[in-house]
């Protein structure tokens, strides 16, 4: 019985290490993987927004990377486009 628990523990530990290595490769490095998981896990949920709904308010970084603003501050007469991704 004790050996079974030991092998189960080793197997689970090995799977966690393999998962962390795979996530690190996908994220670009171990540090990025930790920050990605730390940020993503509390916020992972399926939303219920539909086309035409108002955007939820959030604080986002401007193109300069140093300034921040709230989405509600920029919505008005002009449309606001937020791009999540990379164009490289």
N, C-alpha and C. Protein backbone atom coordinates (compact mmCIF):
# COMPACT_ATOMS: atom_id res chain seq x y z
N UNK A 1 0.83 -1.20 0.00
CA UNK A 1 0.00 0.00 0.00
C UNK A 1 0.87 1.26 0.00
N UNK A 2 1.94 1.23 0.79
CA UNK A 2 2.82 2.38 0.88
C UNK A 2 3.55 2.63 -0.44
N UNK A 3 3.95 1.54 -1.13
CA UNK A 3 4.63 1.68 -2.41
C UNK A 3 3.68 2.26 -3.47
N UNK A 4 2.41 1.90 -3.42
CA UNK A 4 1.44 2.42 -4.37
C UNK A 4 1.31 3.93 -4.23
N UNK A 5 1.24 4.41 -2.99
CA UNK A 5 1.15 5.86 -2.76
C UNK A 5 2.42 6.57 -3.22
N UNK A 6 3.55 5.94 -3.02
CA UNK A 6 4.81 6.52 -3.45
C UNK A 6 4.83 6.67 -4.97
N UNK A 7 4.42 5.63 -5.70
CA UNK A 7 4.41 5.68 -7.16
C UNK A 7 3.37 6.66 -7.69
N UNK A 8 2.25 6.76 -7.02
CA UNK A 8 1.24 7.74 -7.41
C UNK A 8 1.79 9.15 -7.22
N UNK A 9 2.46 9.39 -6.11
CA UNK A 9 3.07 10.70 -5.85
C UNK A 9 4.14 11.05 -6.86
N UNK A 10 4.99 10.07 -7.20
CA UNK A 10 6.03 10.30 -8.20
C UNK A 10 5.40 10.58 -9.56
N UNK A 11 4.36 9.84 -9.91
CA UNK A 11 3.69 10.05 -11.20
C UNK A 11 3.05 11.42 -11.28
N UNK A 12 2.36 11.83 -10.24
CA UNK A 12 1.73 13.16 -10.22
C UNK A 12 2.80 14.25 -10.28
N UNK A 13 3.88 14.08 -9.53
CA UNK A 13 4.97 15.05 -9.56
C UNK A 13 5.60 15.15 -10.94
N UNK A 14 5.81 14.01 -11.59
CA UNK A 14 6.39 14.01 -12.93
C UNK A 14 5.46 14.70 -13.92
N UNK A 15 4.16 14.44 -13.82
CA UNK A 15 3.20 15.09 -14.71
C UNK A 15 3.18 16.61 -14.50
N UNK A 16 3.28 17.05 -13.26
CA UNK A 16 3.32 18.48 -12.98
C UNK A 16 4.58 19.13 -13.57
N UNK A 17 5.71 18.45 -13.44
CA UNK A 17 6.96 18.97 -14.00
C UNK A 17 6.87 19.04 -15.52
N UNK A 18 6.34 17.99 -16.15
CA UNK A 18 6.20 17.97 -17.61
C UNK A 18 5.25 19.08 -18.07
N UNK A 19 4.14 19.26 -17.34
CA UNK A 19 3.19 20.32 -17.70
C UNK A 19 3.83 21.70 -17.56
N UNK A 20 4.63 21.91 -16.51
CA UNK A 20 5.29 23.20 -16.32
C UNK A 20 6.31 23.45 -17.42
N UNK A 21 7.06 22.42 -17.80
CA UNK A 21 8.04 22.58 -18.88
C UNK A 21 7.34 22.92 -20.19
N UNK A 22 6.25 22.21 -20.49
CA UNK A 22 5.51 22.48 -21.72
C UNK A 22 4.94 23.90 -21.72
N UNK A 23 4.39 24.32 -20.59
CA UNK A 23 3.84 25.67 -20.48
C UNK A 23 4.95 26.72 -20.61
N UNK A 24 6.11 26.43 -20.05
CA UNK A 24 7.24 27.35 -20.16
C UNK A 24 7.69 27.51 -21.60
N UNK A 25 7.69 26.41 -22.34
CA UNK A 25 8.08 26.49 -23.75
C UNK A 25 7.07 27.31 -24.53
N UNK A 26 5.77 27.09 -24.27
CA UNK A 26 4.73 27.83 -24.98
C UNK A 26 4.73 29.31 -24.60
N UNK A 27 5.01 29.63 -23.34
CA UNK A 27 4.93 31.01 -22.87
C UNK A 27 6.21 31.80 -23.16
N UNK A 28 7.31 31.12 -23.41
CA UNK A 28 8.54 31.83 -23.69
C UNK A 28 9.58 31.72 -22.59
N UNK A 29 9.24 31.12 -21.49
CA UNK A 29 10.19 30.94 -20.40
C UNK A 29 9.46 30.64 -19.11
N UNK A 30 10.18 30.14 -18.10
CA UNK A 30 9.53 29.78 -16.82
C UNK A 30 8.88 30.98 -16.13
N UNK A 31 9.56 32.12 -16.16
CA UNK A 31 9.01 33.32 -15.52
C UNK A 31 7.68 33.72 -16.17
N UNK A 32 7.64 33.70 -17.50
CA UNK A 32 6.42 34.06 -18.22
C UNK A 32 5.31 33.06 -17.95
N UNK A 33 5.66 31.78 -17.82
CA UNK A 33 4.66 30.76 -17.53
C UNK A 33 4.03 30.99 -16.16
N UNK A 34 4.85 31.32 -15.18
CA UNK A 34 4.33 31.56 -13.82
C UNK A 34 3.39 32.75 -13.83
N UNK A 35 3.80 33.84 -14.49
CA UNK A 35 2.96 35.03 -14.52
C UNK A 35 1.68 34.79 -15.32
N UNK A 36 1.78 34.00 -16.39
CA UNK A 36 0.60 33.70 -17.19
C UNK A 36 -0.43 32.92 -16.37
N UNK A 37 0.03 31.91 -15.65
CA UNK A 37 -0.89 31.11 -14.83
C UNK A 37 -1.43 31.95 -13.68
N UNK A 38 -0.56 32.75 -13.09
CA UNK A 38 -0.99 33.59 -11.96
C UNK A 38 -2.08 34.57 -12.38
N UNK A 39 -1.98 35.10 -13.59
CA UNK A 39 -2.98 36.05 -14.05
C UNK A 39 -4.21 35.35 -14.62
N UNK A 40 -4.00 34.29 -15.39
CA UNK A 40 -5.09 33.70 -16.15
C UNK A 40 -6.06 32.90 -15.29
N UNK A 41 -5.57 32.16 -14.32
CA UNK A 41 -6.47 31.27 -13.58
C UNK A 41 -7.61 32.00 -12.87
N UNK A 42 -7.38 33.11 -12.19
CA UNK A 42 -8.52 33.77 -11.55
C UNK A 42 -9.50 34.39 -12.53
N UNK A 43 -9.07 34.67 -13.75
CA UNK A 43 -9.90 35.38 -14.71
C UNK A 43 -10.49 34.48 -15.79
N UNK A 44 -10.22 33.18 -15.73
CA UNK A 44 -10.71 32.28 -16.77
C UNK A 44 -12.19 31.98 -16.56
N UNK A 45 -13.01 32.44 -17.44
CA UNK A 45 -14.42 32.10 -17.44
C UNK A 45 -15.00 32.47 -18.79
N UNK A 46 -16.05 31.83 -19.13
CA UNK A 46 -16.69 32.12 -20.41
C UNK A 46 -17.61 33.31 -20.20
N UNK A 47 -17.42 34.32 -21.01
CA UNK A 47 -18.22 35.53 -20.89
C UNK A 47 -19.57 35.41 -21.57
N UNK A 48 -20.39 36.41 -21.37
CA UNK A 48 -21.72 36.40 -21.99
C UNK A 48 -21.96 37.67 -22.81
N UNK A 49 -20.88 38.30 -23.28
CA UNK A 49 -21.03 39.48 -24.11
C UNK A 49 -21.46 39.08 -25.51
N UNK A 50 -22.25 39.94 -26.12
CA UNK A 50 -22.71 39.72 -27.49
C UNK A 50 -22.33 40.93 -28.33
N UNK A 51 -22.37 40.79 -29.63
CA UNK A 51 -22.07 41.90 -30.53
C UNK A 51 -23.00 43.06 -30.23
N UNK A 52 -22.44 44.24 -30.05
CA UNK A 52 -23.23 45.43 -29.77
C UNK A 52 -23.33 45.76 -28.29
N UNK A 53 -22.93 44.84 -27.39
CA UNK A 53 -22.95 45.13 -25.96
C UNK A 53 -21.86 46.14 -25.63
N UNK A 54 -22.08 46.91 -24.57
CA UNK A 54 -21.06 47.84 -24.11
C UNK A 54 -19.91 47.05 -23.50
N UNK A 55 -18.70 47.54 -23.72
CA UNK A 55 -17.52 46.87 -23.18
C UNK A 55 -17.48 47.04 -21.67
N UNK A 56 -17.09 46.00 -20.94
CA UNK A 56 -16.93 46.16 -19.50
C UNK A 56 -15.77 47.11 -19.22
N UNK A 57 -15.87 47.87 -18.16
CA UNK A 57 -14.82 48.83 -17.85
C UNK A 57 -13.60 48.09 -17.31
N UNK A 58 -12.44 48.52 -17.78
CA UNK A 58 -11.18 47.96 -17.32
C UNK A 58 -10.10 49.01 -17.49
N UNK A 59 -9.06 48.91 -16.70
CA UNK A 59 -7.92 49.80 -16.86
C UNK A 59 -6.92 49.12 -17.79
N UNK A 60 -6.53 49.80 -18.86
CA UNK A 60 -5.62 49.23 -19.86
C UNK A 60 -4.44 50.17 -20.07
N UNK A 61 -3.35 49.62 -20.59
CA UNK A 61 -2.17 50.41 -20.89
C UNK A 61 -2.32 51.06 -22.25
N UNK A 62 -1.85 52.30 -22.35
CA UNK A 62 -1.82 53.00 -23.63
C UNK A 62 -0.65 52.48 -24.45
N UNK A 63 -0.55 52.92 -25.69
CA UNK A 63 0.53 52.47 -26.56
C UNK A 63 1.91 52.81 -26.02
N UNK A 64 2.00 53.87 -25.24
CA UNK A 64 3.30 54.25 -24.68
C UNK A 64 3.81 53.22 -23.69
N UNK A 65 2.90 52.45 -23.10
CA UNK A 65 3.29 51.43 -22.13
C UNK A 65 3.43 51.94 -20.72
N UNK A 66 3.41 53.25 -20.52
CA UNK A 66 3.54 53.81 -19.18
C UNK A 66 2.23 54.39 -18.68
N UNK A 67 1.42 54.92 -19.58
CA UNK A 67 0.15 55.52 -19.18
C UNK A 67 -0.95 54.46 -19.16
N UNK A 68 -1.91 54.64 -18.27
CA UNK A 68 -3.08 53.78 -18.24
C UNK A 68 -4.33 54.64 -18.34
N UNK A 69 -5.40 54.02 -18.79
CA UNK A 69 -6.68 54.71 -18.84
C UNK A 69 -7.78 53.69 -18.71
N UNK A 70 -8.97 54.16 -18.36
CA UNK A 70 -10.14 53.29 -18.27
C UNK A 70 -10.87 53.31 -19.61
N UNK A 71 -11.41 52.18 -20.01
CA UNK A 71 -12.12 52.09 -21.28
C UNK A 71 -13.27 53.09 -21.33
N UNK A 72 -13.98 53.26 -20.22
CA UNK A 72 -15.13 54.17 -20.18
C UNK A 72 -14.72 55.61 -20.47
N UNK A 73 -13.46 55.97 -20.16
CA UNK A 73 -13.01 57.34 -20.44
C UNK A 73 -12.89 57.60 -21.94
N UNK A 74 -12.61 56.57 -22.72
CA UNK A 74 -12.35 56.74 -24.16
C UNK A 74 -13.58 56.46 -25.02
N UNK A 75 -14.61 55.85 -24.48
CA UNK A 75 -15.79 55.60 -25.30
C UNK A 75 -16.63 56.86 -25.34
N UNK A 76 -17.15 57.18 -26.46
CA UNK A 76 -17.94 58.39 -26.65
C UNK A 76 -18.39 58.45 -28.09
N UNK A 77 -18.10 59.56 -28.74
CA UNK A 77 -18.53 59.74 -30.13
C UNK A 77 -17.70 58.90 -31.10
N UNK A 78 -16.42 58.68 -30.78
CA UNK A 78 -15.56 57.91 -31.67
C UNK A 78 -15.51 56.45 -31.22
N UNK A 79 -15.41 55.54 -32.16
CA UNK A 79 -15.28 54.14 -31.77
C UNK A 79 -13.90 53.86 -31.17
N UNK A 80 -13.85 52.93 -30.25
CA UNK A 80 -12.60 52.51 -29.61
C UNK A 80 -12.33 51.08 -30.03
N UNK A 81 -11.15 50.85 -30.59
CA UNK A 81 -10.77 49.51 -31.02
C UNK A 81 -9.67 49.01 -30.10
N UNK A 82 -9.88 47.85 -29.51
CA UNK A 82 -8.87 47.23 -28.65
C UNK A 82 -8.46 45.92 -29.33
N UNK A 83 -7.17 45.80 -29.58
CA UNK A 83 -6.65 44.62 -30.27
C UNK A 83 -5.89 43.77 -29.26
N UNK A 84 -6.29 42.54 -29.10
CA UNK A 84 -5.60 41.60 -28.23
C UNK A 84 -4.82 40.64 -29.14
N UNK A 85 -3.56 40.90 -29.28
CA UNK A 85 -2.76 40.04 -30.15
C UNK A 85 -1.52 40.74 -30.62
N UNK A 86 -0.87 40.15 -31.61
CA UNK A 86 0.37 40.67 -32.12
C UNK A 86 0.30 40.74 -33.63
N UNK A 87 0.92 41.75 -34.20
CA UNK A 87 0.95 41.91 -35.64
C UNK A 87 2.36 41.71 -36.18
N UNK A 88 3.16 40.92 -35.49
CA UNK A 88 4.54 40.70 -35.94
C UNK A 88 4.65 39.45 -36.76
